[in-house]
């Protein structure tokens, strides 16, 4: 299986606030073919996201494949409540960096 960085097949990789207790991560793909290949490769799972972020798998609340937007949406439990004393990213806009290390198969499928 040939692995490539998700940055080669994604148009947008971002994070954002999803309320005071959750973060949303988005991967938006350039086209249907790369979205489908990544979805079918079964590499974006709660377990793989937990490994990338160094968090318990129970803190990965959802992984949703949203085909109309060619997107994978991931919801994480925030480590600190948004706006809490010591919290450094109230908008959650700087939390996508670990996703940049995600490697996806170049068209292989597990289905």
N, C-alpha and C. Protein backbone atom coordinates (compact mmCIF):
# COMPACT_ATOMS: atom_id res chain seq x y z
N UNK A 1 0.86 -1.17 0.00
CA UNK A 1 0.00 0.00 0.00
C UNK A 1 0.91 1.24 0.00
N UNK A 2 0.67 2.12 -0.94
CA UNK A 2 1.40 3.37 -1.02
C UNK A 2 0.72 4.42 -0.17
N UNK A 3 1.46 5.04 0.74
CA UNK A 3 0.90 6.09 1.60
C UNK A 3 1.38 7.45 1.13
N UNK A 4 0.46 8.41 1.17
CA UNK A 4 0.78 9.79 0.82
C UNK A 4 0.26 10.71 1.92
N UNK A 5 0.85 11.89 2.09
CA UNK A 5 0.35 12.83 3.09
C UNK A 5 -1.05 13.34 2.72
N UNK A 6 -1.90 13.47 3.70
CA UNK A 6 -3.24 13.99 3.46
C UNK A 6 -3.19 15.39 2.85
N UNK A 7 -2.11 16.10 3.09
CA UNK A 7 -1.97 17.45 2.52
C UNK A 7 -1.93 17.43 1.00
N UNK A 8 -1.61 16.29 0.40
CA UNK A 8 -1.58 16.20 -1.06
C UNK A 8 -2.97 16.00 -1.67
N UNK A 9 -3.93 15.55 -0.88
CA UNK A 9 -5.25 15.26 -1.41
C UNK A 9 -6.35 16.14 -0.81
N UNK A 10 -6.02 16.94 0.17
CA UNK A 10 -7.02 17.79 0.83
C UNK A 10 -6.90 19.23 0.34
N UNK A 11 -8.05 19.84 0.19
CA UNK A 11 -8.12 21.26 -0.18
C UNK A 11 -8.02 22.13 1.07
N UNK A 12 -8.65 21.67 2.15
CA UNK A 12 -8.67 22.41 3.42
C UNK A 12 -8.49 21.42 4.56
N UNK A 13 -7.65 21.78 5.52
CA UNK A 13 -7.52 21.05 6.79
C UNK A 13 -7.59 22.12 7.87
N UNK A 14 -8.61 22.03 8.74
CA UNK A 14 -8.81 23.10 9.72
C UNK A 14 -9.41 22.56 11.01
N UNK A 15 -9.37 23.41 12.02
CA UNK A 15 -10.03 23.11 13.28
C UNK A 15 -10.82 24.34 13.69
N UNK A 16 -11.84 24.10 14.50
CA UNK A 16 -12.64 25.22 15.00
C UNK A 16 -13.38 24.81 16.26
N UNK A 17 -13.78 25.81 16.98
CA UNK A 17 -14.53 25.63 18.20
C UNK A 17 -15.89 25.00 17.88
N UNK A 18 -16.30 24.06 18.69
CA UNK A 18 -17.63 23.45 18.54
C UNK A 18 -18.37 23.55 19.87
N UNK A 19 -18.24 24.69 20.50
CA UNK A 19 -18.82 24.90 21.81
C UNK A 19 -17.73 24.87 22.87
N UNK A 20 -18.08 25.06 24.12
CA UNK A 20 -17.06 25.17 25.16
C UNK A 20 -16.33 23.87 25.49
N UNK A 21 -16.88 22.73 25.08
CA UNK A 21 -16.31 21.44 25.48
C UNK A 21 -15.80 20.58 24.32
N UNK A 22 -15.98 21.04 23.08
CA UNK A 22 -15.61 20.22 21.93
C UNK A 22 -14.90 21.04 20.86
N UNK A 23 -14.11 20.35 20.05
CA UNK A 23 -13.45 20.90 18.87
C UNK A 23 -13.90 20.10 17.66
N UNK A 24 -13.99 20.77 16.52
CA UNK A 24 -14.27 20.09 15.27
C UNK A 24 -13.06 20.22 14.37
N UNK A 25 -12.66 19.11 13.79
CA UNK A 25 -11.59 19.09 12.80
C UNK A 25 -12.23 18.76 11.46
N UNK A 26 -11.80 19.44 10.41
CA UNK A 26 -12.35 19.20 9.08
C UNK A 26 -11.23 18.91 8.10
N UNK A 27 -11.45 17.91 7.26
CA UNK A 27 -10.59 17.63 6.11
C UNK A 27 -11.52 17.69 4.90
N UNK A 28 -11.30 18.65 4.02
CA UNK A 28 -12.10 18.81 2.81
C UNK A 28 -11.23 18.44 1.62
N UNK A 29 -11.70 17.51 0.84
CA UNK A 29 -10.91 16.95 -0.25
C UNK A 29 -11.08 17.72 -1.55
N UNK A 30 -10.08 17.61 -2.40
CA UNK A 30 -10.06 18.33 -3.67
C UNK A 30 -11.09 17.79 -4.65
N UNK A 31 -11.36 16.49 -4.60
CA UNK A 31 -12.29 15.91 -5.56
C UNK A 31 -12.90 14.63 -4.99
N UNK A 32 -13.92 14.15 -5.66
CA UNK A 32 -14.66 12.96 -5.23
C UNK A 32 -13.76 11.73 -5.15
N UNK A 33 -12.87 11.58 -6.11
CA UNK A 33 -12.02 10.38 -6.16
C UNK A 33 -11.11 10.29 -4.94
N UNK A 34 -10.49 11.39 -4.55
CA UNK A 34 -9.59 11.35 -3.39
C UNK A 34 -10.38 11.21 -2.08
N UNK A 35 -11.55 11.83 -2.02
CA UNK A 35 -12.40 11.64 -0.84
C UNK A 35 -12.77 10.16 -0.70
N UNK A 36 -13.25 9.56 -1.79
CA UNK A 36 -13.69 8.16 -1.74
C UNK A 36 -12.53 7.23 -1.43
N UNK A 37 -11.37 7.47 -2.01
CA UNK A 37 -10.20 6.62 -1.75
C UNK A 37 -9.81 6.68 -0.28
N UNK A 38 -9.84 7.87 0.29
CA UNK A 38 -9.47 8.03 1.70
C UNK A 38 -10.54 7.40 2.60
N UNK A 39 -11.80 7.64 2.29
CA UNK A 39 -12.89 7.04 3.07
C UNK A 39 -12.78 5.51 3.04
N UNK A 40 -12.60 4.96 1.85
CA UNK A 40 -12.57 3.51 1.69
C UNK A 40 -11.33 2.86 2.28
N UNK A 41 -10.28 3.64 2.51
CA UNK A 41 -9.04 3.10 3.07
C UNK A 41 -9.16 2.79 4.56
N UNK A 42 -10.19 3.31 5.22
CA UNK A 42 -10.44 3.05 6.65
C UNK A 42 -9.25 3.46 7.53
N UNK A 43 -8.60 4.57 7.20
CA UNK A 43 -7.48 5.03 8.03
C UNK A 43 -7.85 6.18 8.96
N UNK A 44 -8.94 6.88 8.66
CA UNK A 44 -9.38 7.96 9.55
C UNK A 44 -10.45 7.37 10.46
N UNK A 45 -9.99 6.96 11.63
CA UNK A 45 -10.84 6.31 12.62
C UNK A 45 -10.63 6.99 13.97
N UNK A 46 -11.49 6.74 14.93
CA UNK A 46 -11.23 7.28 16.26
C UNK A 46 -9.85 6.87 16.79
N UNK A 47 -9.44 5.63 16.50
CA UNK A 47 -8.15 5.15 16.99
C UNK A 47 -6.98 5.90 16.33
N UNK A 48 -7.06 6.12 15.03
CA UNK A 48 -5.95 6.82 14.35
C UNK A 48 -5.88 8.29 14.77
N UNK A 49 -7.03 8.90 14.98
CA UNK A 49 -7.04 10.30 15.42
C UNK A 49 -6.51 10.39 16.86
N UNK A 50 -6.90 9.47 17.70
CA UNK A 50 -6.40 9.46 19.09
C UNK A 50 -4.88 9.32 19.10
N UNK A 51 -4.33 8.47 18.24
CA UNK A 51 -2.86 8.32 18.16
C UNK A 51 -2.21 9.63 17.71
N UNK A 52 -2.76 10.27 16.68
CA UNK A 52 -2.18 11.52 16.19
C UNK A 52 -2.18 12.61 17.26
N UNK A 53 -3.24 12.67 18.04
CA UNK A 53 -3.39 13.72 19.04
C UNK A 53 -2.87 13.34 20.42
N UNK A 54 -2.51 12.07 20.60
CA UNK A 54 -2.01 11.63 21.89
C UNK A 54 -3.06 11.72 22.98
N UNK A 55 -4.29 11.35 22.62
CA UNK A 55 -5.41 11.42 23.55
C UNK A 55 -6.08 10.05 23.63
N UNK A 56 -6.88 9.82 24.67
CA UNK A 56 -7.63 8.55 24.74
C UNK A 56 -8.65 8.48 23.60
N UNK A 57 -8.88 7.30 23.08
CA UNK A 57 -9.83 7.13 21.99
C UNK A 57 -11.23 7.60 22.41
N UNK A 58 -11.52 7.56 23.70
CA UNK A 58 -12.83 8.02 24.19
C UNK A 58 -13.00 9.54 24.03
N UNK A 59 -11.90 10.27 23.81
CA UNK A 59 -11.99 11.71 23.58
C UNK A 59 -12.26 12.05 22.12
N UNK A 60 -12.25 11.05 21.25
CA UNK A 60 -12.65 11.24 19.85
C UNK A 60 -14.14 10.90 19.81
N UNK A 61 -14.97 11.92 19.77
CA UNK A 61 -16.41 11.71 19.92
C UNK A 61 -17.10 11.25 18.64
N UNK A 62 -16.63 11.75 17.48
CA UNK A 62 -17.25 11.38 16.21
C UNK A 62 -16.24 11.47 15.08
N UNK A 63 -16.38 10.58 14.12
CA UNK A 63 -15.71 10.69 12.82
C UNK A 63 -16.82 10.50 11.79
N UNK A 64 -17.09 11.56 11.04
CA UNK A 64 -18.21 11.55 10.09
C UNK A 64 -17.67 11.81 8.69
N UNK A 65 -18.04 10.94 7.76
CA UNK A 65 -17.73 11.15 6.35
C UNK A 65 -18.93 11.85 5.73
N UNK A 66 -18.75 13.09 5.30
CA UNK A 66 -19.85 13.89 4.77
C UNK A 66 -19.63 14.11 3.28
N UNK A 67 -20.21 13.21 2.49
CA UNK A 67 -19.95 13.18 1.05
C UNK A 67 -20.37 14.45 0.31
N UNK A 68 -21.50 15.11 0.65
CA UNK A 68 -21.87 16.31 -0.11
C UNK A 68 -20.79 17.40 -0.09
N UNK A 69 -19.99 17.45 0.97
CA UNK A 69 -18.91 18.44 1.06
C UNK A 69 -17.54 17.81 0.79
N UNK A 70 -17.50 16.54 0.45
CA UNK A 70 -16.23 15.80 0.28
C UNK A 70 -15.36 16.00 1.52
N UNK A 71 -15.97 15.81 2.68
CA UNK A 71 -15.31 16.14 3.94
C UNK A 71 -15.35 14.99 4.93
N UNK A 72 -14.33 14.98 5.78
CA UNK A 72 -14.34 14.16 6.99
C UNK A 72 -14.37 15.15 8.14
N UNK A 73 -15.37 14.99 8.99
CA UNK A 73 -15.52 15.86 10.16
C UNK A 73 -15.26 15.01 11.40
N UNK A 74 -14.42 15.54 12.26
CA UNK A 74 -14.02 14.82 13.47
C UNK A 74 -14.32 15.72 14.66
N UNK A 75 -14.98 15.17 15.67
CA UNK A 75 -15.26 15.95 16.88
C UNK A 75 -14.46 15.36 18.03
N UNK A 76 -13.71 16.25 18.70
CA UNK A 76 -12.89 15.87 19.85
C UNK A 76 -13.40 16.55 21.10
N UNK A 77 -13.23 15.89 22.23
CA UNK A 77 -13.46 16.53 23.52
C UNK A 77 -12.28 17.48 23.77
N UNK A 78 -12.57 18.71 24.15
CA UNK A 78 -11.51 19.68 24.44
C UNK A 78 -10.76 19.26 25.71
N UNK A 79 -9.46 19.49 25.71
CA UNK A 79 -8.66 19.19 26.90
C UNK A 79 -9.00 20.14 28.04
N UNK A 80 -9.29 21.39 27.67
CA UNK A 80 -9.70 22.41 28.63
C UNK A 80 -10.93 23.11 28.07
N UNK A 81 -11.84 23.51 28.93
CA UNK A 81 -13.02 24.24 28.50
C UNK A 81 -12.61 25.53 27.80
N UNK A 82 -13.27 25.84 26.71
CA UNK A 82 -12.97 27.07 25.97
C UNK A 82 -13.10 28.28 26.90
N UNK A 83 -12.07 29.08 26.96
CA UNK A 83 -12.07 30.28 27.79
C UNK A 83 -11.66 30.06 29.23
N UNK A 84 -11.36 28.81 29.61
CA UNK A 84 -10.93 28.53 30.99
C UNK A 84 -9.56 29.15 31.25
N UNK A 85 -9.26 29.43 32.48
CA UNK A 85 -7.97 29.96 32.86
C UNK A 85 -6.87 29.01 32.38
N UNK A 86 -5.91 29.53 31.64
CA UNK A 86 -4.82 28.72 31.13
C UNK A 86 -5.07 28.14 29.74
N UNK A 87 -6.29 28.22 29.25
CA UNK A 87 -6.61 27.73 27.91
C UNK A 87 -6.07 28.74 26.90
N UNK A 88 -5.40 28.27 25.86
CA UNK A 88 -4.67 29.18 24.97
C UNK A 88 -5.27 29.35 23.57
N UNK A 89 -6.36 28.67 23.27
CA UNK A 89 -6.94 28.75 21.92
C UNK A 89 -8.46 28.70 22.02
N UNK A 90 -9.04 29.79 22.48
CA UNK A 90 -10.48 29.85 22.75
C UNK A 90 -11.31 29.51 21.51
N UNK A 91 -10.82 29.83 20.32
CA UNK A 91 -11.57 29.55 19.09
C UNK A 91 -11.27 28.18 18.49
N UNK A 92 -10.29 27.49 19.03
CA UNK A 92 -9.95 26.17 18.53
C UNK A 92 -9.33 26.19 17.14
N UNK A 93 -8.86 27.34 16.70
CA UNK A 93 -8.38 27.51 15.33
C UNK A 93 -6.96 27.01 15.11
N UNK A 94 -6.25 26.63 16.15
CA UNK A 94 -4.86 26.20 16.02
C UNK A 94 -4.66 24.74 16.38
N UNK A 95 -5.72 23.96 16.31
CA UNK A 95 -5.65 22.57 16.77
C UNK A 95 -5.57 21.54 15.64
N UNK A 96 -5.46 21.97 14.42
CA UNK A 96 -5.45 21.05 13.28
C UNK A 96 -4.06 20.51 12.94
N UNK A 97 -3.01 21.06 13.50
CA UNK A 97 -1.65 20.69 13.10
C UNK A 97 -1.37 19.18 13.12
N UNK A 98 -1.79 18.41 14.14
CA UNK A 98 -1.52 16.97 14.09
C UNK A 98 -2.12 16.28 12.86
N UNK A 99 -3.22 16.79 12.33
CA UNK A 99 -3.82 16.19 11.14
C UNK A 99 -2.89 16.27 9.92
N UNK A 100 -2.00 17.24 9.92
CA UNK A 100 -1.09 17.40 8.78
C UNK A 100 -0.14 16.22 8.63
N UNK A 101 0.01 15.44 9.69
CA UNK A 101 0.88 14.24 9.66
C UNK A 101 0.14 12.98 9.20
N UNK A 102 -1.17 13.08 8.99
CA UNK A 102 -1.96 11.93 8.60
C UNK A 102 -1.53 11.42 7.23
N UNK A 103 -1.30 10.13 7.14
CA UNK A 103 -0.94 9.48 5.88
C UNK A 103 -2.13 8.65 5.42
N UNK A 104 -2.45 8.75 4.15
CA UNK A 104 -3.59 8.01 3.59
C UNK A 104 -3.13 7.19 2.40
N UNK A 105 -3.77 6.05 2.20
CA UNK A 105 -3.42 5.24 1.02
C UNK A 105 -3.76 5.97 -0.27
N UNK A 106 -2.95 5.77 -1.27
CA UNK A 106 -3.14 6.42 -2.57
C UNK A 106 -4.05 5.57 -3.44
N UNK A 107 -5.31 5.44 -3.04
CA UNK A 107 -6.28 4.75 -3.88
C UNK A 107 -6.57 3.31 -3.50
N UNK A 108 -5.86 2.72 -2.54
CA UNK A 108 -6.15 1.37 -2.10
C UNK A 108 -7.46 1.36 -1.29
N UNK A 109 -8.12 0.27 -1.22
CA UNK A 109 -9.40 0.19 -0.52
C UNK A 109 -9.45 -1.04 0.39
N UNK A 110 -10.18 -0.91 1.50
CA UNK A 110 -10.39 -2.05 2.39
C UNK A 110 -11.81 -2.59 2.23
N UNK A 111 -12.59 -2.00 1.36
CA UNK A 111 -13.98 -2.44 1.17
C UNK A 111 -14.12 -3.35 -0.01
